[in-house]
Amino acid sequence: MKNQISVIIPTLNEKNNITILINKLLDISNIEEIIVVDDNSIDGTGDAVKKFINVNHKIKLYYNIGSKNLFQSVLIGFDNATFSNCLVMDADLQHSPNDIIKIITKFFTNDLDLLIGSRFKKNKIGNISYIRTKISIYFIKFINFFLSEKYSDPLSGFFILKKEIILKNKKNYFNKGFKILFDILYLNSDELKVDEIQISFLKRIHGKSKFNYKIVMIFLFQLFRIMFFRRLILKR
């Protein structure tokens, strides 16, 4: 079936959340494959996923060997995805599985290439701290200067797209850090049919947020690279 989906979930120390998430995903039709890419978790996340693998063929587990890098983990997921449509989401349950049905329905109904699950499309902030919200909104406004189309949340980690889009420009991605959607939009948005849909952004219950000063600095370096080096790379 052309509407089959591979779900790609990068993980880092999300043992308690990943078990809940996988159980919810298994109840959703169209999801034929759940790919967990673990970034060297030390809390037993990988072992929790292996328990599912033993009883369900839809679950697959890969490891991102080396430095902790969500960007690389997502690319590993795309490399190993069986189906042509891939949904990317976080493992911390702040991306609600309840939004998946409306996401995949709009994606296929409108024959889109990419659908972004936006935290800000209807000015809904959700369960994000005041400081994090301000940082996100500031970066979004800045990023939109570099995109031909403007988006309410080009930093979202919750989106569905056709796998071929990723493979087409794989060598030109930043390949480091935590914001892969920005790179996808920068490299491809002129050629793609893209839309956004409002999602719920829930409060984290288990585990600790990965958002910190180091992540902000890596993202600033990603912006710097795009601003000053990307055009040279694309001309090669």
C-alpha atoms as a PDB file:
ATOM      1  CA  MET A   1       0.000   0.000   0.000  1.00  0.00           C
ATOM      2  CA  LYS A   2       1.291   3.443  -0.872  1.00  0.00           C
ATOM      3  CA  ASN A   3       0.045   4.902   2.433  1.00  0.00           C
ATOM      4  CA  GLN A   4       2.218   2.725   4.637  1.00  0.00           C
ATOM      5  CA  ILE A   5       4.415   4.637   7.079  1.00  0.00           C
ATOM      6  CA  SER A   6       7.729   4.147   8.819  1.00  0.00           C
ATOM      7  CA  VAL A   7       7.958   6.029  12.123  1.00  0.00           C
ATOM      8  CA  ILE A   8      11.460   7.179  13.075  1.00  0.00           C
ATOM      9  CA  ILE A   9      12.129   7.862  16.751  1.00  0.00           C
ATOM     10  CA  PRO A  10      15.560   9.105  17.901  1.00  0.00           C
ATOM     11  CA  THR A  11      16.120   8.293  21.579  1.00  0.00           C
ATOM     12  CA  LEU A  12      18.472   9.244  24.382  1.00  0.00           C
ATOM     13  CA  ASN A  13      17.661   8.005  27.883  1.00  0.00           C
ATOM     14  CA  GLU A  14      13.913   7.628  27.346  1.00  0.00           C
ATOM     15  CA  LYS A  15      13.307   4.165  28.822  1.00  0.00           C
ATOM     16  CA  ASN A  16      10.037   5.022  30.545  1.00  0.00           C
ATOM     17  CA  ASN A  17       8.651   7.069  27.645  1.00  0.00           C
ATOM     18  CA  ILE A  18       9.591   4.770  24.767  1.00  0.00           C
ATOM     19  CA  THR A  19       7.567   1.872  26.184  1.00  0.00           C
ATOM     20  CA  ILE A  20       4.429   4.004  26.410  1.00  0.00           C
ATOM     21  CA  LEU A  21       4.999   5.513  22.963  1.00  0.00           C
ATOM     22  CA  ILE A  22       5.524   2.218  21.146  1.00  0.00           C
ATOM     23  CA  ASN A  23       2.361   0.743  22.678  1.00  0.00           C
ATOM     24  CA  LYS A  24       0.360   3.730  21.424  1.00  0.00           C
ATOM     25  CA  LEU A  25       1.912   3.605  17.940  1.00  0.00           C
ATOM     26  CA  LEU A  26       1.096  -0.076  17.521  1.00  0.00           C
ATOM     27  CA  ASP A  27      -2.597   0.800  17.724  1.00  0.00           C
ATOM     28  CA  ILE A  28      -2.443   3.195  14.756  1.00  0.00           C
ATOM     29  CA  SER A  29      -3.226   1.896  11.284  1.00  0.00           C
ATOM     30  CA  ASN A  30      -0.889   2.842   8.410  1.00  0.00           C
ATOM     31  CA  ILE A  31       2.111   2.522  10.732  1.00  0.00           C
ATOM     32  CA  GLU A  32       3.826  -0.587   9.453  1.00  0.00           C
ATOM     33  CA  GLU A  33       7.277   0.043  10.885  1.00  0.00           C
ATOM     34  CA  ILE A  34       8.622   1.670  14.046  1.00  0.00           C
ATOM     35  CA  ILE A  35      12.327   2.477  13.885  1.00  0.00           C
ATOM     36  CA  VAL A  36      14.025   3.447  17.132  1.00  0.00           C
ATOM     37  CA  VAL A  37      17.534   4.856  16.784  1.00  0.00           C
ATOM     38  CA  ASP A  38      19.192   4.978  20.176  1.00  0.00           C
ATOM     39  CA  ASP A  39      21.974   7.473  20.823  1.00  0.00           C
ATOM     40  CA  ASN A  40      23.930   5.374  23.331  1.00  0.00           C
ATOM     41  CA  SER A  41      21.424   5.643  26.177  1.00  0.00           C
ATOM     42  CA  ILE A  42      22.666   4.564  29.601  1.00  0.00           C
ATOM     43  CA  ASP A  43      19.253   4.044  31.209  1.00  0.00           C
ATOM     44  CA  GLY A  44      18.249   0.838  29.408  1.00  0.00           C
ATOM     45  CA  THR A  45      16.241   2.418  26.575  1.00  0.00           C
ATOM     46  CA  GLY A  46      17.645  -0.058  24.066  1.00  0.00           C
ATOM     47  CA  ASP A  47      16.787  -3.033  26.288  1.00  0.00           C
ATOM     48  CA  ALA A  48      13.211  -1.753  26.625  1.00  0.00           C
ATOM     49  CA  VAL A  49      12.858  -1.651  22.830  1.00  0.00           C
ATOM     50  CA  LYS A  50      14.343  -5.137  22.438  1.00  0.00           C
ATOM     51  CA  LYS A  51      11.478  -6.566  24.485  1.00  0.00           C
ATOM     52  CA  PHE A  52       9.078  -5.333  21.792  1.00  0.00           C
ATOM     53  CA  ILE A  53      11.244  -6.681  18.976  1.00  0.00           C
ATOM     54  CA  ASN A  54      10.934 -10.176  20.396  1.00  0.00           C
ATOM     55  CA  VAL A  55       7.148 -10.135  19.957  1.00  0.00           C
ATOM     56  CA  ASN A  56       6.453  -7.711  17.101  1.00  0.00           C
ATOM     57  CA  HIS A  57       8.113  -7.627  13.684  1.00  0.00           C
ATOM     58  CA  LYS A  58       7.214  -3.942  13.168  1.00  0.00           C
ATOM     59  CA  ILE A  59       9.753  -2.765  15.735  1.00  0.00           C
ATOM     60  CA  LYS A  60      13.377  -2.189  14.711  1.00  0.00           C
ATOM     61  CA  LEU A  61      16.283  -0.906  16.777  1.00  0.00           C
ATOM     62  CA  TYR A  62      19.480   0.735  15.568  1.00  0.00           C
ATOM     63  CA  TYR A  63      22.275   2.435  17.450  1.00  0.00           C
ATOM     64  CA  ASN A  64      24.004   5.703  16.662  1.00  0.00           C
ATOM     65  CA  ILE A  65      27.558   4.853  17.577  1.00  0.00           C
ATOM     66  CA  GLY A  66      29.712   7.850  18.495  1.00  0.00           C
ATOM     67  CA  SER A  67      28.873  11.300  19.800  1.00  0.00           C
ATOM     68  CA  LYS A  68      25.315  12.067  20.874  1.00  0.00           C
ATOM     69  CA  ASN A  69      23.681  13.505  17.778  1.00  0.00           C
ATOM     70  CA  LEU A  70      19.933  13.518  17.081  1.00  0.00           C
ATOM     71  CA  PHE A  71      20.502  14.661  13.494  1.00  0.00           C
ATOM     72  CA  GLN A  72      22.596  11.600  12.696  1.00  0.00           C
ATOM     73  CA  SER A  73      20.152   9.318  14.483  1.00  0.00           C
ATOM     74  CA  VAL A  74      17.296  10.536  12.288  1.00  0.00           C
ATOM     75  CA  LEU A  75      19.362   9.979   9.132  1.00  0.00           C
ATOM     76  CA  ILE A  76      20.120   6.428  10.261  1.00  0.00           C
ATOM     77  CA  GLY A  77      16.385   5.929  10.569  1.00  0.00           C
ATOM     78  CA  PHE A  78      15.782   7.140   7.025  1.00  0.00           C
ATOM     79  CA  ASP A  79      18.554   4.917   5.685  1.00  0.00           C
ATOM     80  CA  ASN A  80      16.851   1.876   7.171  1.00  0.00           C
ATOM     81  CA  ALA A  81      13.204   2.777   6.562  1.00  0.00           C
ATOM     82  CA  THR A  82      11.301   0.238   4.482  1.00  0.00           C
ATOM     83  CA  PHE A  83       8.463   2.490   3.374  1.00  0.00           C
ATOM     84  CA  SER A  84       8.443   5.632   1.239  1.00  0.00           C
ATOM     85  CA  ASN A  85       6.624   7.807   3.795  1.00  0.00           C
ATOM     86  CA  CYS A  86       8.389   8.555   7.089  1.00  0.00           C
ATOM     87  CA  LEU A  87       7.091  10.239  10.212  1.00  0.00           C
ATOM     88  CA  VAL A  88       9.680  11.649  12.622  1.00  0.00           C
ATOM     89  CA  MET A  89       8.823  12.322  16.260  1.00  0.00           C
ATOM     90  CA  ASP A  90      10.513  12.638  19.638  1.00  0.00           C
ATOM     91  CA  ALA A  91      10.444   9.855  22.201  1.00  0.00           C
ATOM     92  CA  ASP A  92       9.668  12.043  25.225  1.00  0.00           C
ATOM     93  CA  LEU A  93       5.857  12.037  24.716  1.00  0.00           C
ATOM     94  CA  GLN A  94       5.758  15.808  24.278  1.00  0.00           C
ATOM     95  CA  HIS A  95       4.746  14.953  20.722  1.00  0.00           C
ATOM     96  CA  SER A  96       1.327  13.436  21.301  1.00  0.00           C
ATOM     97  CA  PRO A  97       0.598  10.141  19.509  1.00  0.00           C
ATOM     98  CA  ASN A  98      -3.009  11.348  19.418  1.00  0.00           C
ATOM     99  CA  ASP A  99      -2.000  13.877  16.740  1.00  0.00           C
ATOM    100  CA  ILE A 100      -0.709  11.233  14.355  1.00  0.00           C
ATOM    101  CA  ILE A 101      -4.068  10.335  12.817  1.00  0.00           C
ATOM    102  CA  LYS A 102      -4.820  13.918  11.785  1.00  0.00           C
ATOM    103  CA  ILE A 103      -1.235  14.356  10.556  1.00  0.00           C
ATOM    104  CA  ILE A 104      -1.236  11.332   8.271  1.00  0.00           C
ATOM    105  CA  THR A 105      -4.803  12.061   7.114  1.00  0.00           C
ATOM    106  CA  LYS A 106      -3.896  15.578   5.978  1.00  0.00           C
ATOM    107  CA  PHE A 107      -0.601  14.405   4.478  1.00  0.00           C
ATOM    108  CA  PHE A 108      -2.216  11.824   2.214  1.00  0.00           C
ATOM    109  CA  THR A 109      -5.477  13.664   1.534  1.00  0.00           C
ATOM    110  CA  ASN A 110      -3.614  16.725   0.261  1.00  0.00           C
ATOM    111  CA  ASP A 111      -0.899  14.688  -1.488  1.00  0.00           C
ATOM    112  CA  LEU A 112       1.856  16.580   0.322  1.00  0.00           C
ATOM    113  CA  ASP A 113       5.596  16.068   0.175  1.00  0.00           C
ATOM    114  CA  LEU A 114       6.101  17.343   3.724  1.00  0.00           C
ATOM    115  CA  LEU A 115       3.725  18.135   6.579  1.00  0.00           C
ATOM    116  CA  ILE A 116       5.051  19.921   9.654  1.00  0.00           C
ATOM    117  CA  GLY A 117       3.531  19.412  13.082  1.00  0.00           C
ATOM    118  CA  SER A 118       3.666  23.004  14.305  1.00  0.00           C
ATOM    119  CA  ARG A 119       3.625  24.181  17.919  1.00  0.00           C
ATOM    120  CA  PHE A 120       2.820  27.742  16.869  1.00  0.00           C
ATOM    121  CA  LYS A 121       0.471  27.652  13.868  1.00  0.00           C
ATOM    122  CA  LYS A 122      -2.497  28.826  15.946  1.00  0.00           C
ATOM    123  CA  ASN A 123      -0.413  30.731  18.485  1.00  0.00           C
ATOM    124  CA  LYS A 124      -0.549  27.843  20.907  1.00  0.00           C
ATOM    125  CA  ILE A 125       2.557  27.602  23.037  1.00  0.00           C
ATOM    126  CA  GLY A 126       1.700  24.474  24.980  1.00  0.00           C
ATOM    127  CA  ASN A 127       3.872  23.176  27.776  1.00  0.00           C
ATOM    128  CA  ILE A 128       7.094  25.017  26.935  1.00  0.00           C
ATOM    129  CA  SER A 129       8.845  27.211  29.463  1.00  0.00           C
ATOM    130  CA  TYR A 130       8.693  30.954  28.937  1.00  0.00           C
ATOM    131  CA  ILE A 131      12.425  31.181  28.173  1.00  0.00           C
ATOM    132  CA  ARG A 132      12.366  28.265  25.747  1.00  0.00           C
ATOM    133  CA  THR A 133       9.320  29.722  24.017  1.00  0.00           C
ATOM    134  CA  LYS A 134      11.028  33.086  23.549  1.00  0.00           C
ATOM    135  CA  ILE A 135      14.199  31.434  22.235  1.00  0.00           C
ATOM    136  CA  SER A 136      12.199  29.297  19.791  1.00  0.00           C
ATOM    137  CA  ILE A 137      10.154  32.223  18.475  1.00  0.00           C
ATOM    138  CA  TYR A 138      13.262  34.369  18.058  1.00  0.00           C
ATOM    139  CA  PHE A 139      15.065  31.674  16.092  1.00  0.00           C
ATOM    140  CA  ILE A 140      11.994  30.971  13.961  1.00  0.00           C
ATOM    141  CA  LYS A 141      11.751  34.615  12.932  1.00  0.00           C
ATOM    142  CA  PHE A 142      15.451  34.650  12.109  1.00  0.00           C
ATOM    143  CA  ILE A 143      15.328  31.377  10.168  1.00  0.00           C
ATOM    144  CA  ASN A 144      12.424  32.527   8.026  1.00  0.00           C
ATOM    145  CA  PHE A 145      14.703  35.172   6.503  1.00  0.00           C
ATOM    146  CA  PHE A 146      16.591  32.319   4.831  1.00  0.00           C
ATOM    147  CA  LEU A 147      13.566  30.411   3.569  1.00  0.00           C
ATOM    148  CA  SER A 148      11.617  31.274   0.434  1.00  0.00           C
ATOM    149  CA  GLU A 149       8.415  30.221   2.207  1.00  0.00           C
ATOM    150  CA  LYS A 150       7.708  31.266   5.794  1.00  0.00           C
ATOM    151  CA  TYR A 151       6.698  28.675   8.373  1.00  0.00           C
ATOM    152  CA  SER A 152       5.306  28.935  11.877  1.00  0.00           C
ATOM    153  CA  ASP A 153       7.590  26.174  13.175  1.00  0.00           C
ATOM    154  CA  PRO A 154      10.575  25.240  10.961  1.00  0.00           C
ATOM    155  CA  LEU A 155      12.262  23.890  14.116  1.00  0.00           C
ATOM    156  CA  SER A 156       9.639  21.224  14.816  1.00  0.00           C
ATOM    157  CA  GLY A 157      10.802  17.694  15.492  1.00  0.00           C
ATOM    158  CA  PHE A 158       7.400  16.242  14.537  1.00  0.00           C
ATOM    159  CA  PHE A 159       6.822  15.908  10.779  1.00  0.00           C
ATOM    160  CA  ILE A 160       6.018  13.473   7.987  1.00  0.00           C
ATOM    161  CA  LEU A 161       7.591  13.452   4.536  1.00  0.00           C
ATOM    162  CA  LYS A 162       8.520  11.326   1.576  1.00  0.00           C
ATOM    163  CA  LYS A 163      11.758   9.445   2.178  1.00  0.00           C
ATOM    164  CA  GLU A 164      13.143  10.337  -1.248  1.00  0.00           C
ATOM    165  CA  ILE A 165      13.406  13.987  -0.151  1.00  0.00           C
ATOM    166  CA  ILE A 166      15.941  13.086   2.525  1.00  0.00           C
ATOM    167  CA  LEU A 167      17.976  10.788   0.327  1.00  0.00           C
ATOM    168  CA  LYS A 168      18.178  13.327  -2.480  1.00  0.00           C
ATOM    169  CA  ASN A 169      20.232  15.882  -0.538  1.00  0.00           C
ATOM    170  CA  LYS A 170      21.719  13.727   2.186  1.00  0.00           C
ATOM    171  CA  LYS A 171      25.326  14.723   1.469  1.00  0.00           C
ATOM    172  CA  ASN A 172      24.513  18.402   1.975  1.00  0.00           C
ATOM    173  CA  TYR A 173      22.921  18.174   5.410  1.00  0.00           C
ATOM    174  CA  PHE A 174      24.607  19.663   8.458  1.00  0.00           C
ATOM    175  CA  ASN A 175      24.602  16.154   9.930  1.00  0.00           C
ATOM    176  CA  LYS A 176      25.072  17.348  13.483  1.00  0.00           C
ATOM    177  CA  GLY A 177      22.889  18.719  16.236  1.00  0.00           C
ATOM    178  CA  PHE A 178      19.149  18.615  16.779  1.00  0.00           C
ATOM    179  CA  LYS A 179      17.257  20.561  14.073  1.00  0.00           C
ATOM    180  CA  ILE A 180      17.012  18.485  10.908  1.00  0.00           C
ATOM    181  CA  LEU A 181      13.759  20.052   9.640  1.00  0.00           C
ATOM    182  CA  PHE A 182      15.423  23.425   9.107  1.00  0.00           C
ATOM    183  CA  ASP A 183      17.989  21.814   6.811  1.00  0.00           C
ATOM    184  CA  ILE A 184      15.290  19.930   4.905  1.00  0.00           C
ATOM    185  CA  LEU A 185      13.315  23.112   4.288  1.00  0.00           C
ATOM    186  CA  TYR A 186      16.380  25.127   3.320  1.00  0.00           C
ATOM    187  CA  LEU A 187      17.508  22.585   0.753  1.00  0.00           C
ATOM    188  CA  ASN A 188      14.165  21.510  -0.656  1.00  0.00           C
ATOM    189  CA  SER A 189      11.239  23.836   0.096  1.00  0.00           C
ATOM    190  CA  ASP A 190      11.175  25.474  -3.358  1.00  0.00           C
ATOM    191  CA  GLU A 191      10.530  22.081  -4.920  1.00  0.00           C
ATOM    192  CA  LEU A 192       8.094  20.651  -2.404  1.00  0.00           C
ATOM    193  CA  LYS A 193       4.431  20.809  -1.541  1.00  0.00           C
ATOM    194  CA  VAL A 194       4.632  21.706   2.149  1.00  0.00           C
ATOM    195  CA  ASP A 195       1.982  22.477   4.744  1.00  0.00           C
ATOM    196  CA  GLU A 196       1.685  22.777   8.527  1.00  0.00           C
ATOM    197  CA  ILE A 197      -0.802  21.507  11.069  1.00  0.00           C
ATOM    198  CA  GLN A 198      -1.245  22.504  14.695  1.00  0.00           C
ATOM    199  CA  ILE A 199      -0.105  19.891  17.215  1.00  0.00           C
ATOM    200  CA  SER A 200      -0.329  19.577  20.954  1.00  0.00           C
ATOM    201  CA  PHE A 201       2.997  20.001  22.724  1.00  0.00           C
ATOM    202  CA  LEU A 202       2.679  18.193  26.020  1.00  0.00           C
ATOM    203  CA  LYS A 203       4.478  18.464  29.310  1.00  0.00           C
ATOM    204  CA  ARG A 204       7.273  15.961  29.854  1.00  0.00           C
ATOM    205  CA  ILE A 205       6.370  13.459  32.581  1.00  0.00           C
ATOM    206  CA  HIS A 206       9.353  11.098  32.662  1.00  0.00           C
ATOM    207  CA  GLY A 207      13.032  11.901  32.226  1.00  0.00           C
ATOM    208  CA  LYS A 208      14.869  15.161  31.703  1.00  0.00           C
ATOM    209  CA  SER A 209      14.786  17.639  28.829  1.00  0.00           C
ATOM    210  CA  LYS A 210      17.807  17.624  26.489  1.00  0.00           C
ATOM    211  CA  PHE A 211      17.468  21.365  25.871  1.00  0.00           C
ATOM    212  CA  ASN A 212      20.500  23.195  27.239  1.00  0.00           C
ATOM    213  CA  TYR A 213      23.187  25.752  26.451  1.00  0.00           C
ATOM    214  CA  LYS A 214      25.192  23.248  24.393  1.00  0.00           C
ATOM    215  CA  ILE A 215      22.236  22.549  22.104  1.00  0.00           C
ATOM    216  CA  VAL A 216      21.728  26.271  21.526  1.00  0.00           C
ATOM    217  CA  MET A 217      25.410  26.685  20.596  1.00  0.00           C
ATOM    218  CA  ILE A 218      25.302  23.756  18.168  1.00  0.00           C
ATOM    219  CA  PHE A 219      22.240  25.248  16.538  1.00  0.00           C
ATOM    220  CA  LEU A 220      23.938  28.643  16.212  1.00  0.00           C
ATOM    221  CA  PHE A 221      26.827  26.901  14.472  1.00  0.00           C
ATOM    222  CA  GLN A 222      24.331  25.234  12.134  1.00  0.00           C
ATOM    223  CA  LEU A 223      22.929  28.668  11.255  1.00  0.00           C
ATOM    224  CA  PHE A 224      26.418  30.042  10.732  1.00  0.00           C
ATOM    225  CA  ARG A 225      27.308  27.211   8.379  1.00  0.00           C
ATOM    226  CA  ILE A 226      24.160  27.722   6.326  1.00  0.00           C
ATOM    227  CA  MET A 227      24.628  31.480   6.108  1.00  0.00           C
ATOM    228  CA  PHE A 228      28.251  31.441   5.001  1.00  0.00           C
ATOM    229  CA  PHE A 229      29.040  28.046   3.534  1.00  0.00           C
ATOM    230  CA  ARG A 230      25.928  26.325   2.180  1.00  0.00           C
ATOM    231  CA  ARG A 231      25.868  28.149  -1.164  1.00  0.00           C
ATOM    232  CA  LEU A 232      29.451  27.106  -1.810  1.00  0.00           C
ATOM    233  CA  ILE A 233      28.626  23.492  -0.955  1.00  0.00           C
ATOM    234  CA  LEU A 234      25.613  23.400  -3.262  1.00  0.00           C
ATOM    235  CA  LYS A 235      27.651  24.711  -6.191  1.00  0.00           C
ATOM    236  CA  ARG A 236      30.083  21.816  -6.045  1.00  0.00           C
END
